[in-house]
N, C-alpha and C. Protein backbone atom coordinates (compact mmCIF):
# COMPACT_ATOMS: atom_id res chain seq x y z
N MET A 1 -22.43 36.87 122.12
CA MET A 1 -21.56 35.82 121.57
C MET A 1 -22.42 35.15 120.37
N GLN A 2 -21.85 35.12 119.25
CA GLN A 2 -22.48 34.43 118.08
C GLN A 2 -22.48 32.91 118.22
N VAL A 3 -23.63 32.46 118.02
CA VAL A 3 -23.76 30.88 118.14
C VAL A 3 -23.25 30.29 116.83
N MET A 4 -22.37 29.38 116.91
CA MET A 4 -21.80 28.77 115.57
C MET A 4 -22.63 27.73 115.10
N LEU A 5 -22.73 27.64 113.81
CA LEU A 5 -23.36 26.46 113.11
C LEU A 5 -22.75 25.27 113.53
N LYS A 6 -23.56 24.24 113.85
CA LYS A 6 -23.05 22.88 114.21
C LYS A 6 -23.41 22.02 113.07
N ILE A 7 -22.45 21.19 112.62
CA ILE A 7 -22.68 20.13 111.64
C ILE A 7 -22.33 18.76 112.16
N TYR A 8 -23.23 17.91 112.28
CA TYR A 8 -23.18 16.54 112.80
C TYR A 8 -22.84 15.55 111.63
N HIS A 9 -21.83 14.83 111.77
CA HIS A 9 -21.30 13.97 110.65
C HIS A 9 -20.64 12.76 111.05
N PHE A 10 -20.33 11.97 110.15
CA PHE A 10 -19.48 10.67 110.34
C PHE A 10 -18.48 10.69 109.19
N PRO A 11 -17.23 10.31 109.46
CA PRO A 11 -16.24 10.50 108.48
C PRO A 11 -16.42 9.66 107.10
N LEU A 12 -17.12 8.59 107.20
CA LEU A 12 -17.34 7.76 106.02
C LEU A 12 -18.72 8.06 105.36
N SER A 13 -19.56 9.00 105.84
CA SER A 13 -20.74 9.31 105.26
C SER A 13 -20.63 10.35 104.26
N THR A 14 -20.76 9.93 102.96
CA THR A 14 -20.65 10.88 101.83
C THR A 14 -21.76 12.12 101.93
N PRO A 15 -23.02 11.81 102.36
CA PRO A 15 -23.83 12.79 102.43
C PRO A 15 -23.49 13.94 103.51
N ALA A 16 -22.86 13.43 104.59
CA ALA A 16 -22.32 14.40 105.66
C ALA A 16 -21.19 15.08 105.14
N ASN A 17 -20.35 14.57 104.45
CA ASN A 17 -19.17 15.12 103.91
C ASN A 17 -19.55 16.20 102.92
N LYS A 18 -20.54 15.99 102.03
CA LYS A 18 -20.96 17.05 101.15
C LYS A 18 -21.49 18.30 101.80
N VAL A 19 -22.07 18.07 102.93
CA VAL A 19 -22.60 19.20 103.74
C VAL A 19 -21.40 20.04 104.23
N ARG A 20 -20.35 19.39 104.80
CA ARG A 20 -19.07 20.06 105.30
C ARG A 20 -18.42 20.72 103.99
N MET A 21 -18.37 20.06 102.82
CA MET A 21 -17.77 20.75 101.74
C MET A 21 -18.60 21.95 101.28
N CYS A 22 -19.80 21.87 101.28
CA CYS A 22 -20.72 23.00 100.92
C CYS A 22 -20.42 24.16 101.99
N ALA A 23 -20.44 23.88 103.20
CA ALA A 23 -20.17 24.86 104.17
C ALA A 23 -18.82 25.63 103.96
N ASN A 24 -17.81 24.77 103.69
CA ASN A 24 -16.53 25.28 103.41
C ASN A 24 -16.50 26.18 102.09
N ALA A 25 -17.26 25.77 101.15
CA ALA A 25 -17.32 26.48 99.91
C ALA A 25 -17.90 27.79 100.05
N LEU A 26 -18.83 27.85 101.02
CA LEU A 26 -19.58 29.06 101.34
C LEU A 26 -18.81 29.98 102.31
N GLY A 27 -17.65 29.50 102.73
CA GLY A 27 -16.82 30.26 103.69
C GLY A 27 -17.49 30.35 105.05
N LEU A 28 -18.31 29.43 105.48
CA LEU A 28 -18.97 29.41 106.76
C LEU A 28 -18.03 28.85 107.85
N LYS A 29 -18.07 29.46 109.05
CA LYS A 29 -17.46 28.89 110.21
C LYS A 29 -18.53 28.01 110.93
N TYR A 30 -17.99 26.82 111.31
CA TYR A 30 -18.97 25.92 111.96
C TYR A 30 -18.22 25.00 112.87
N GLU A 31 -19.05 24.37 113.82
CA GLU A 31 -18.37 23.35 114.73
C GLU A 31 -18.74 22.03 114.05
N SER A 32 -17.65 21.28 113.87
CA SER A 32 -17.82 19.93 113.30
C SER A 32 -17.88 18.89 114.40
N ILE A 33 -19.02 18.11 114.41
CA ILE A 33 -19.36 17.24 115.51
C ILE A 33 -19.46 15.89 115.00
N ALA A 34 -18.41 14.98 115.13
CA ALA A 34 -18.51 13.66 114.70
C ALA A 34 -19.47 12.90 115.56
N VAL A 35 -20.31 12.14 114.89
CA VAL A 35 -21.27 11.24 115.62
C VAL A 35 -20.80 9.74 115.39
N ASN A 36 -20.51 9.08 116.51
CA ASN A 36 -19.82 7.75 116.34
C ASN A 36 -20.98 6.73 116.14
N LEU A 37 -21.15 6.36 114.90
CA LEU A 37 -22.24 5.35 114.51
C LEU A 37 -21.87 4.14 115.05
N ARG A 38 -20.64 3.70 115.23
CA ARG A 38 -20.21 2.36 115.77
C ARG A 38 -20.69 2.18 117.20
N GLU A 39 -20.68 3.37 117.95
CA GLU A 39 -21.15 3.35 119.29
C GLU A 39 -22.63 3.68 119.40
N ARG A 40 -23.26 3.85 118.30
CA ARG A 40 -24.72 4.05 118.14
C ARG A 40 -25.13 5.35 118.86
N GLU A 41 -24.23 6.38 118.77
CA GLU A 41 -24.50 7.63 119.27
C GLU A 41 -25.69 8.32 118.48
N HIS A 42 -25.90 7.90 117.36
CA HIS A 42 -26.85 8.44 116.39
C HIS A 42 -28.35 8.00 116.82
N LYS A 43 -28.44 6.96 117.70
CA LYS A 43 -29.71 6.46 118.30
C LYS A 43 -30.00 6.99 119.71
N LYS A 44 -29.05 7.79 120.23
CA LYS A 44 -29.28 8.28 121.57
C LYS A 44 -30.38 9.46 121.53
N PRO A 45 -31.04 9.56 122.64
CA PRO A 45 -32.14 10.64 122.71
C PRO A 45 -31.61 11.97 122.31
N ALA A 46 -30.45 12.45 122.70
CA ALA A 46 -29.89 13.80 122.40
C ALA A 46 -29.77 14.01 121.00
N TYR A 47 -29.36 12.93 120.30
CA TYR A 47 -29.17 13.17 118.82
C TYR A 47 -30.55 13.01 118.16
N LEU A 48 -31.35 12.04 118.58
CA LEU A 48 -32.66 11.92 117.97
C LEU A 48 -33.54 13.12 118.05
N ALA A 49 -33.28 13.96 118.99
CA ALA A 49 -33.94 15.24 119.19
C ALA A 49 -33.58 16.18 117.93
N ILE A 50 -32.38 15.95 117.42
CA ILE A 50 -32.01 16.82 116.23
C ILE A 50 -32.32 16.18 114.88
N ASN A 51 -32.21 14.92 114.84
CA ASN A 51 -32.66 14.13 113.72
C ASN A 51 -33.38 12.94 114.06
N PRO A 52 -34.81 12.93 113.97
CA PRO A 52 -35.51 11.76 114.59
C PRO A 52 -35.27 10.45 113.89
N PHE A 53 -34.60 10.57 112.63
CA PHE A 53 -34.44 9.31 111.93
C PHE A 53 -33.10 8.69 112.31
N GLY A 54 -32.30 9.44 113.09
CA GLY A 54 -31.03 8.86 113.60
C GLY A 54 -30.02 8.68 112.54
N LYS A 55 -29.89 9.63 111.66
CA LYS A 55 -28.85 9.46 110.53
C LYS A 55 -28.14 10.82 110.39
N VAL A 56 -26.92 10.74 109.82
CA VAL A 56 -26.13 11.96 109.57
C VAL A 56 -26.21 12.16 108.01
N PRO A 57 -26.15 13.55 107.64
CA PRO A 57 -25.86 14.68 108.48
C PRO A 57 -27.17 15.31 109.06
N ALA A 58 -26.80 16.21 109.94
CA ALA A 58 -27.85 17.12 110.48
C ALA A 58 -27.10 18.44 110.89
N ILE A 59 -27.91 19.50 111.00
CA ILE A 59 -27.32 20.73 111.49
C ILE A 59 -28.16 21.32 112.59
N ASP A 60 -27.51 22.15 113.34
CA ASP A 60 -28.02 22.98 114.40
C ASP A 60 -27.60 24.36 114.06
N ASP A 61 -28.53 25.21 113.61
CA ASP A 61 -28.18 26.50 113.28
C ASP A 61 -28.86 27.51 114.22
N ASP A 62 -28.28 27.66 115.35
CA ASP A 62 -28.91 28.44 116.44
C ASP A 62 -30.17 28.03 116.82
N GLY A 63 -30.32 26.67 117.10
CA GLY A 63 -31.58 26.16 117.58
C GLY A 63 -32.52 25.63 116.33
N PHE A 64 -32.09 25.98 115.12
CA PHE A 64 -32.86 25.44 113.99
C PHE A 64 -32.25 24.17 113.48
N TYR A 65 -32.97 23.08 113.61
CA TYR A 65 -32.44 21.80 113.21
C TYR A 65 -32.88 21.42 111.83
N LEU A 66 -31.97 20.84 111.13
CA LEU A 66 -32.25 20.40 109.72
C LEU A 66 -31.48 19.11 109.34
N PHE A 67 -32.18 18.16 108.76
CA PHE A 67 -31.53 16.94 108.21
C PHE A 67 -31.79 16.84 106.68
N GLU A 68 -31.12 15.85 106.15
CA GLU A 68 -31.14 15.61 104.65
C GLU A 68 -30.19 16.56 104.02
N SER A 69 -29.20 15.99 103.34
CA SER A 69 -28.02 16.78 102.88
C SER A 69 -28.36 17.84 101.91
N ASN A 70 -29.21 17.39 100.94
CA ASN A 70 -29.57 18.38 99.83
C ASN A 70 -30.29 19.65 100.32
N ALA A 71 -31.28 19.30 101.34
CA ALA A 71 -31.97 20.39 101.91
C ALA A 71 -30.96 21.26 102.74
N ILE A 72 -30.07 20.68 103.44
CA ILE A 72 -29.11 21.53 104.27
C ILE A 72 -28.28 22.37 103.25
N MET A 73 -27.77 21.83 102.19
CA MET A 73 -26.99 22.70 101.18
C MET A 73 -27.77 23.79 100.61
N LYS A 74 -29.08 23.53 100.29
CA LYS A 74 -29.90 24.60 99.69
C LYS A 74 -30.09 25.67 100.79
N TYR A 75 -30.29 25.30 102.03
CA TYR A 75 -30.61 26.16 103.09
C TYR A 75 -29.31 27.07 103.28
N LEU A 76 -28.16 26.52 103.39
CA LEU A 76 -26.99 27.34 103.72
C LEU A 76 -26.75 28.15 102.55
N ALA A 77 -26.87 27.68 101.25
CA ALA A 77 -26.50 28.61 100.08
C ALA A 77 -27.54 29.79 100.10
N ARG A 78 -28.78 29.44 100.31
CA ARG A 78 -29.74 30.59 100.27
C ARG A 78 -29.54 31.62 101.43
N LYS A 79 -29.17 31.08 102.59
CA LYS A 79 -28.95 31.96 103.61
C LYS A 79 -27.79 32.91 103.40
N GLN A 80 -26.81 32.44 102.64
CA GLN A 80 -25.71 33.30 102.25
C GLN A 80 -25.90 34.01 100.96
N ASP A 81 -27.10 33.80 100.35
CA ASP A 81 -27.43 34.47 99.07
C ASP A 81 -26.31 34.11 98.03
N SER A 82 -25.89 32.87 97.97
CA SER A 82 -24.86 32.40 97.15
C SER A 82 -25.33 31.72 95.85
N GLY A 83 -24.43 32.04 94.78
CA GLY A 83 -24.67 31.32 93.52
C GLY A 83 -24.45 29.96 93.48
N LEU A 84 -23.99 29.33 94.60
CA LEU A 84 -23.93 27.94 94.67
C LEU A 84 -25.23 27.27 94.43
N TYR A 85 -26.28 27.94 94.84
CA TYR A 85 -27.69 27.52 94.51
C TYR A 85 -28.35 28.75 93.87
N PRO A 86 -28.39 28.80 92.60
CA PRO A 86 -28.85 29.98 91.87
C PRO A 86 -30.23 30.32 92.13
N SER A 87 -30.58 31.64 92.00
CA SER A 87 -32.04 31.97 92.21
C SER A 87 -32.85 32.06 90.92
N GLN A 88 -32.07 32.11 89.82
CA GLN A 88 -32.82 32.19 88.50
C GLN A 88 -33.58 30.87 88.32
N LEU A 89 -34.77 30.86 87.87
CA LEU A 89 -35.65 29.72 87.83
C LEU A 89 -34.99 28.55 87.10
N GLN A 90 -34.55 28.71 85.79
CA GLN A 90 -34.14 27.61 85.03
C GLN A 90 -32.78 27.16 85.49
N SER A 91 -31.98 28.00 85.94
CA SER A 91 -30.67 27.56 86.50
C SER A 91 -30.81 26.73 87.75
N GLN A 92 -31.79 27.22 88.58
CA GLN A 92 -32.06 26.44 89.79
C GLN A 92 -32.68 25.11 89.47
N ALA A 93 -33.59 25.01 88.61
CA ALA A 93 -34.09 23.76 88.16
C ALA A 93 -33.04 22.82 87.69
N CYS A 94 -32.12 23.25 86.95
CA CYS A 94 -30.99 22.39 86.42
C CYS A 94 -30.16 21.94 87.47
N VAL A 95 -29.90 22.68 88.57
CA VAL A 95 -29.28 22.28 89.81
C VAL A 95 -29.98 21.23 90.47
N ASP A 96 -31.31 21.45 90.64
CA ASP A 96 -32.20 20.44 91.27
C ASP A 96 -32.16 19.14 90.53
N GLU A 97 -32.21 19.27 89.23
CA GLU A 97 -32.24 18.00 88.40
C GLU A 97 -31.02 17.19 88.62
N TRP A 98 -29.90 17.70 88.77
CA TRP A 98 -28.61 16.94 88.92
C TRP A 98 -28.51 16.49 90.31
N CYS A 99 -28.96 17.28 91.33
CA CYS A 99 -28.91 16.93 92.68
C CYS A 99 -29.87 15.67 92.85
N ASP A 100 -31.04 15.72 92.30
CA ASP A 100 -31.92 14.64 92.33
C ASP A 100 -31.41 13.33 91.68
N PHE A 101 -30.77 13.49 90.45
CA PHE A 101 -30.12 12.31 89.94
C PHE A 101 -29.20 11.71 90.80
N VAL A 102 -28.28 12.49 91.52
CA VAL A 102 -27.27 12.03 92.38
C VAL A 102 -28.01 11.25 93.51
N ALA A 103 -28.88 11.97 94.22
CA ALA A 103 -29.60 11.39 95.35
C ALA A 103 -30.40 10.11 95.14
N SER A 104 -31.05 10.08 93.92
CA SER A 104 -32.08 8.94 93.68
C SER A 104 -31.49 7.89 92.87
N LEU A 105 -30.43 8.12 92.06
CA LEU A 105 -29.95 7.10 91.27
C LEU A 105 -28.38 6.77 91.53
N LEU A 106 -27.51 7.72 91.48
CA LEU A 106 -26.10 7.54 91.58
C LEU A 106 -25.79 7.04 93.00
N ALA A 107 -26.22 7.81 94.02
CA ALA A 107 -25.73 7.54 95.39
C ALA A 107 -26.22 6.13 95.80
N PRO A 108 -27.53 5.72 95.57
CA PRO A 108 -27.99 4.34 96.05
C PRO A 108 -27.02 3.29 95.33
N ALA A 109 -26.71 3.46 94.10
CA ALA A 109 -25.91 2.55 93.37
C ALA A 109 -24.53 2.47 94.06
N PHE A 110 -23.92 3.55 94.21
CA PHE A 110 -22.60 3.74 94.83
C PHE A 110 -22.72 3.14 96.28
N GLY A 111 -23.82 3.38 97.00
CA GLY A 111 -23.94 2.90 98.34
C GLY A 111 -23.91 1.48 98.50
N ARG A 112 -24.39 0.73 97.42
CA ARG A 112 -24.32 -0.75 97.49
C ARG A 112 -22.85 -1.17 97.35
N VAL A 113 -21.96 -0.48 96.59
CA VAL A 113 -20.65 -0.86 96.47
C VAL A 113 -19.91 -0.47 97.68
N VAL A 114 -20.03 0.72 98.25
CA VAL A 114 -19.46 1.19 99.44
C VAL A 114 -19.79 0.21 100.66
N PHE A 115 -21.04 -0.07 100.78
CA PHE A 115 -21.36 -0.94 101.94
C PHE A 115 -20.63 -2.25 101.77
N ASN A 116 -20.76 -3.03 100.60
CA ASN A 116 -20.26 -4.32 100.54
C ASN A 116 -18.69 -4.36 100.55
N ARG A 117 -18.12 -3.33 100.03
CA ARG A 117 -16.67 -3.34 99.95
C ARG A 117 -15.88 -2.65 100.99
N ILE A 118 -16.62 -1.70 101.71
CA ILE A 118 -15.98 -0.93 102.81
C ILE A 118 -16.63 -1.15 104.15
N LEU A 119 -17.85 -0.78 104.23
CA LEU A 119 -18.65 -0.66 105.50
C LEU A 119 -18.85 -2.12 106.11
N ALA A 120 -19.34 -3.08 105.25
CA ALA A 120 -19.57 -4.37 105.72
C ALA A 120 -18.35 -4.99 106.42
N PRO A 121 -17.16 -5.01 105.66
CA PRO A 121 -15.99 -5.58 106.18
C PRO A 121 -15.53 -4.91 107.50
N LEU A 122 -15.73 -3.56 107.64
CA LEU A 122 -15.44 -2.91 108.81
C LEU A 122 -16.23 -3.17 110.11
N SER A 123 -17.48 -3.46 109.76
CA SER A 123 -18.37 -3.59 110.87
C SER A 123 -18.71 -5.13 111.11
N GLY A 124 -18.14 -6.01 110.28
CA GLY A 124 -18.48 -7.38 110.34
C GLY A 124 -19.83 -7.79 109.87
N ALA A 125 -20.44 -7.00 109.09
CA ALA A 125 -21.72 -7.26 108.47
C ALA A 125 -21.55 -8.21 107.38
N LYS A 126 -22.62 -8.84 106.97
CA LYS A 126 -22.58 -9.84 105.89
C LYS A 126 -22.48 -9.16 104.51
N VAL A 127 -21.62 -9.64 103.60
CA VAL A 127 -21.46 -8.98 102.31
C VAL A 127 -22.45 -9.69 101.38
N SER A 128 -23.13 -8.87 100.49
CA SER A 128 -24.14 -9.42 99.54
C SER A 128 -23.55 -9.26 98.20
N GLU A 129 -23.04 -10.29 97.65
CA GLU A 129 -22.54 -10.25 96.29
C GLU A 129 -23.52 -9.90 95.26
N GLU A 130 -24.72 -10.27 95.46
CA GLU A 130 -25.80 -9.79 94.50
C GLU A 130 -26.05 -8.26 94.52
N SER A 131 -26.07 -7.70 95.77
CA SER A 131 -26.25 -6.33 95.84
C SER A 131 -25.05 -5.56 95.28
N LEU A 132 -23.91 -6.12 95.59
CA LEU A 132 -22.63 -5.45 95.01
C LEU A 132 -22.73 -5.47 93.50
N ALA A 133 -23.05 -6.64 92.98
CA ALA A 133 -23.12 -6.70 91.44
C ALA A 133 -24.06 -5.80 90.89
N ASP A 134 -25.29 -5.56 91.43
CA ASP A 134 -26.22 -4.65 91.03
C ASP A 134 -25.70 -3.22 91.17
N GLY A 135 -24.95 -2.91 92.27
CA GLY A 135 -24.44 -1.55 92.34
C GLY A 135 -23.46 -1.25 91.29
N LEU A 136 -22.61 -2.25 91.03
CA LEU A 136 -21.56 -2.05 90.02
C LEU A 136 -22.20 -1.83 88.63
N LYS A 137 -23.20 -2.53 88.39
CA LYS A 137 -23.93 -2.48 87.06
C LYS A 137 -24.43 -1.15 86.95
N PHE A 138 -25.18 -0.63 87.98
CA PHE A 138 -25.77 0.68 87.84
C PHE A 138 -24.73 1.79 87.66
N VAL A 139 -23.72 1.70 88.46
CA VAL A 139 -22.64 2.76 88.35
C VAL A 139 -22.08 2.74 87.03
N GLY A 140 -21.91 1.55 86.48
CA GLY A 140 -21.36 1.43 85.11
C GLY A 140 -22.27 2.01 84.02
N ASN A 141 -23.60 1.99 84.27
CA ASN A 141 -24.51 2.65 83.47
C ASN A 141 -24.51 4.13 83.53
N TYR A 142 -24.22 4.60 84.72
CA TYR A 142 -24.38 6.12 84.96
C TYR A 142 -23.07 6.84 84.59
N LEU A 143 -21.92 6.29 84.72
CA LEU A 143 -20.71 7.01 84.45
C LEU A 143 -20.51 7.51 83.05
N PRO A 144 -20.80 6.70 82.01
CA PRO A 144 -20.75 7.22 80.68
C PRO A 144 -21.63 8.45 80.34
N VAL A 145 -22.68 8.50 81.01
CA VAL A 145 -23.62 9.73 80.82
C VAL A 145 -23.04 10.91 81.41
N LEU A 146 -22.37 10.76 82.63
CA LEU A 146 -21.77 11.87 83.31
C LEU A 146 -20.58 12.29 82.49
N GLU A 147 -19.80 11.36 81.92
CA GLU A 147 -18.70 11.70 81.02
C GLU A 147 -19.14 12.59 79.87
N GLN A 148 -20.31 12.16 79.26
CA GLN A 148 -20.79 12.94 78.11
C GLN A 148 -21.26 14.39 78.55
N ARG A 149 -21.79 14.46 79.72
CA ARG A 149 -22.17 15.82 80.25
C ARG A 149 -20.98 16.71 80.35
N PHE A 150 -19.86 16.29 80.74
CA PHE A 150 -18.70 17.11 80.93
C PHE A 150 -18.05 17.42 79.65
N VAL A 151 -18.33 16.79 78.60
CA VAL A 151 -17.87 17.13 77.27
C VAL A 151 -18.43 18.47 76.90
N THR A 152 -19.55 18.85 77.27
CA THR A 152 -20.28 19.96 76.74
C THR A 152 -20.41 21.00 77.85
N SER A 153 -20.11 20.66 79.14
CA SER A 153 -20.42 21.58 80.32
C SER A 153 -19.12 21.47 81.27
N ARG A 154 -18.76 22.70 81.68
CA ARG A 154 -17.53 22.70 82.50
C ARG A 154 -17.88 22.15 83.91
N PHE A 155 -19.06 22.51 84.28
CA PHE A 155 -19.64 21.94 85.68
C PHE A 155 -20.89 21.15 85.33
N ILE A 156 -21.37 20.33 86.37
CA ILE A 156 -22.46 19.36 86.12
C ILE A 156 -23.73 20.13 85.71
N ALA A 157 -24.01 21.35 86.27
CA ALA A 157 -25.24 22.02 86.04
C ALA A 157 -25.12 23.36 85.25
N GLY A 158 -23.90 23.52 84.51
CA GLY A 158 -23.79 24.70 83.78
C GLY A 158 -22.28 25.14 83.77
N HIS A 159 -22.24 26.60 83.70
CA HIS A 159 -20.86 27.19 83.47
C HIS A 159 -20.10 27.50 84.76
N ARG A 160 -20.74 27.36 85.93
CA ARG A 160 -20.18 27.58 87.19
C ARG A 160 -20.61 26.48 88.27
N MET A 161 -19.74 26.55 89.17
CA MET A 161 -19.84 25.39 90.27
C MET A 161 -21.15 25.66 91.16
N THR A 162 -21.89 24.57 91.39
CA THR A 162 -22.96 24.72 92.30
C THR A 162 -23.04 23.64 93.24
N ILE A 163 -24.04 23.55 94.12
CA ILE A 163 -24.18 22.54 95.03
C ILE A 163 -24.35 21.11 94.38
N ALA A 164 -24.78 21.09 93.07
CA ALA A 164 -24.87 19.89 92.34
C ALA A 164 -23.54 19.30 92.17
N ASP A 165 -22.43 20.06 91.88
CA ASP A 165 -21.11 19.65 91.80
C ASP A 165 -20.60 19.00 93.14
N ILE A 166 -20.92 19.71 94.23
CA ILE A 166 -20.50 19.14 95.48
C ILE A 166 -21.22 17.84 95.82
N ALA A 167 -22.56 17.76 95.46
CA ALA A 167 -23.17 16.44 95.61
C ALA A 167 -22.63 15.39 94.94
N LEU A 168 -22.13 15.65 93.57
CA LEU A 168 -21.58 14.68 92.71
C LEU A 168 -20.22 14.24 93.27
N LEU A 169 -19.45 15.27 93.74
CA LEU A 169 -18.12 15.10 94.04
C LEU A 169 -18.12 14.15 95.28
N ALA A 170 -18.97 14.41 96.24
CA ALA A 170 -18.89 13.66 97.51
C ALA A 170 -19.44 12.19 97.23
N THR A 171 -20.28 11.97 96.27
CA THR A 171 -20.88 10.76 96.11
C THR A 171 -19.83 9.91 95.34
N LEU A 172 -19.04 10.44 94.43
CA LEU A 172 -17.86 9.73 93.85
C LEU A 172 -16.68 9.58 94.70
N ASP A 173 -16.56 10.17 95.83
CA ASP A 173 -15.43 10.27 96.68
C ASP A 173 -14.91 8.98 97.06
N PRO A 174 -15.68 7.87 97.32
CA PRO A 174 -15.06 6.63 97.71
C PRO A 174 -14.55 5.80 96.51
N SER A 175 -14.60 6.27 95.31
CA SER A 175 -14.27 5.46 94.10
C SER A 175 -12.99 4.58 94.29
N GLU A 176 -11.94 5.26 94.73
CA GLU A 176 -10.69 4.54 94.89
C GLU A 176 -10.72 3.37 96.02
N ALA A 177 -11.42 3.88 97.12
CA ALA A 177 -11.44 2.95 98.25
C ALA A 177 -12.39 1.70 98.01
N CYS A 178 -13.32 1.85 97.03
CA CYS A 178 -14.15 0.71 96.82
C CYS A 178 -13.89 0.02 95.37
N GLY A 179 -12.84 0.49 94.72
CA GLY A 179 -12.36 -0.24 93.63
C GLY A 179 -13.05 0.22 92.26
N ILE A 180 -13.71 1.41 92.22
CA ILE A 180 -14.28 1.92 90.99
C ILE A 180 -13.43 2.83 90.29
N GLU A 181 -12.92 2.52 89.06
CA GLU A 181 -11.98 3.21 88.38
C GLU A 181 -12.61 4.30 87.50
N LEU A 182 -12.21 5.56 87.79
CA LEU A 182 -12.74 6.66 87.01
C LEU A 182 -11.80 7.29 85.93
N SER A 183 -10.59 6.82 85.95
CA SER A 183 -9.55 7.49 85.06
C SER A 183 -9.81 7.36 83.60
N GLY A 184 -10.65 6.31 83.30
CA GLY A 184 -11.07 5.99 81.85
C GLY A 184 -12.15 7.15 81.36
N TYR A 185 -12.69 7.75 82.30
CA TYR A 185 -13.71 8.93 81.90
C TYR A 185 -12.92 10.19 82.00
N ARG A 186 -12.25 10.66 80.97
CA ARG A 186 -11.30 11.68 81.04
C ARG A 186 -11.81 12.95 81.44
N LYS A 187 -13.03 13.40 81.03
CA LYS A 187 -13.63 14.65 81.33
C LYS A 187 -14.11 14.68 82.76
N LEU A 188 -14.80 13.54 83.16
CA LEU A 188 -15.29 13.44 84.47
C LEU A 188 -14.07 13.38 85.44
N TYR A 189 -13.06 12.69 85.12
CA TYR A 189 -11.90 12.51 85.94
C TYR A 189 -11.21 13.88 86.27
N SER A 190 -11.09 14.72 85.12
CA SER A 190 -10.42 15.92 85.22
C SER A 190 -11.19 16.96 86.01
N TRP A 191 -12.54 16.97 85.86
CA TRP A 191 -13.43 17.76 86.72
C TRP A 191 -13.30 17.36 88.16
N ARG A 192 -13.21 16.12 88.50
CA ARG A 192 -13.08 15.70 89.81
C ARG A 192 -11.82 16.05 90.47
N GLU A 193 -10.67 15.81 89.83
CA GLU A 193 -9.39 16.22 90.22
C GLU A 193 -9.27 17.67 90.55
N ALA A 194 -9.76 18.54 89.69
CA ALA A 194 -9.69 19.99 89.90
C ALA A 194 -10.43 20.30 91.22
N LEU A 195 -11.60 19.74 91.49
CA LEU A 195 -12.33 20.10 92.68
C LEU A 195 -11.66 19.56 93.96
N ARG A 196 -11.14 18.39 93.83
CA ARG A 196 -10.39 17.73 94.92
C ARG A 196 -9.19 18.46 95.47
N ALA A 197 -8.70 19.26 94.43
CA ALA A 197 -7.52 20.12 94.85
C ALA A 197 -7.80 21.39 95.54
N ASP A 198 -9.14 21.72 95.48
CA ASP A 198 -9.73 22.91 96.09
C ASP A 198 -9.68 22.85 97.56
N GLU A 199 -9.65 24.03 98.34
CA GLU A 199 -9.53 24.03 99.72
C GLU A 199 -10.90 23.51 100.41
N PHE A 200 -12.10 23.83 99.76
CA PHE A 200 -13.29 23.38 100.35
C PHE A 200 -13.35 21.83 100.46
N TYR A 201 -12.66 21.07 99.64
CA TYR A 201 -12.58 19.71 99.67
C TYR A 201 -11.42 19.27 100.75
N LYS A 202 -10.36 19.84 100.54
CA LYS A 202 -9.16 19.45 101.48
C LYS A 202 -9.41 19.75 102.84
N ALA A 203 -10.24 20.71 103.16
CA ALA A 203 -10.67 21.07 104.56
C ALA A 203 -11.32 19.94 105.18
N VAL A 204 -11.99 19.08 104.48
CA VAL A 204 -12.71 18.02 104.91
C VAL A 204 -11.70 16.74 105.08
N HIS A 205 -11.00 16.54 104.07
CA HIS A 205 -10.01 15.29 104.09
C HIS A 205 -9.19 15.41 102.85
N ASP A 206 -7.97 14.80 102.77
CA ASP A 206 -7.24 14.70 101.55
C ASP A 206 -7.79 13.64 100.72
N TYR A 207 -8.40 12.69 101.14
CA TYR A 207 -9.05 11.56 100.51
C TYR A 207 -10.03 10.93 101.39
N TYR A 208 -11.06 10.23 100.66
CA TYR A 208 -12.13 9.60 101.48
C TYR A 208 -11.63 8.61 102.41
N GLY A 209 -12.17 8.69 103.72
CA GLY A 209 -11.69 7.76 104.71
C GLY A 209 -10.40 8.10 105.39
N GLN A 210 -9.88 9.24 105.11
CA GLN A 210 -8.60 9.60 105.80
C GLN A 210 -8.76 9.48 107.37
N GLY A 211 -7.80 8.78 107.91
CA GLY A 211 -7.80 8.46 109.28
C GLY A 211 -8.62 7.21 109.71
N VAL A 212 -9.28 6.59 108.77
CA VAL A 212 -10.07 5.39 108.97
C VAL A 212 -9.57 4.30 108.04
N LEU A 213 -9.41 4.70 106.76
CA LEU A 213 -9.09 3.68 105.71
C LEU A 213 -7.63 4.05 105.26
N PRO A 214 -6.97 3.04 104.68
CA PRO A 214 -5.62 3.14 104.12
C PRO A 214 -5.59 4.27 102.99
N ALA A 215 -4.53 4.92 102.85
CA ALA A 215 -4.49 5.94 101.76
C ALA A 215 -4.55 5.15 100.41
N PRO A 216 -5.11 5.72 99.45
CA PRO A 216 -5.11 5.13 98.09
C PRO A 216 -3.73 4.79 97.59
N GLY A 217 -3.66 3.62 97.02
CA GLY A 217 -2.28 3.12 96.54
C GLY A 217 -1.67 2.29 97.48
N PHE A 218 -2.11 2.14 98.73
CA PHE A 218 -1.47 1.34 99.77
C PHE A 218 -2.18 0.06 100.10
């Protein structure tokens, strides 16, 4: 009996969602295991044995444990010998460049907004207006650069979709839920809407927070 890949996630975790999107895009069958962060399941010994930092996502691939979303996406794409993570040196470097930008700059900025406008109210945590303002400022600095990139490139790292697109898509996913307007960035918005219509995205959810947050527009 074949052991199925297991992906540990939480519905509001954008890094965990991008791993599921990546697995879907690769056509992988996997067991989706939701970790209840509210009940602190991520801090229990059974889960800490998989990810000692107690965060999502993590995977169990027939006893091989791996955490950190970008590392997981690269591993899965390499395992499938998929062009989602190209083997050609310069193409791969370009994908790494944009994955690093998302992970080190865009995601932390978005994270400040998501925490203060979505996660803190849900959990009863204190909202930091200063942190929120900083997040909005940085996001506002990055979006025009992304828009300009899509003026000259169909996908973020070149002429075909890669894991860098999935990383960016998942990071931007909470935009409507946290009040960040993207429609003014026409190229970026069109790229995003096209990918959100794809089955690899819709197999995760129709919109960020589905089943947890109100649908956009309500």
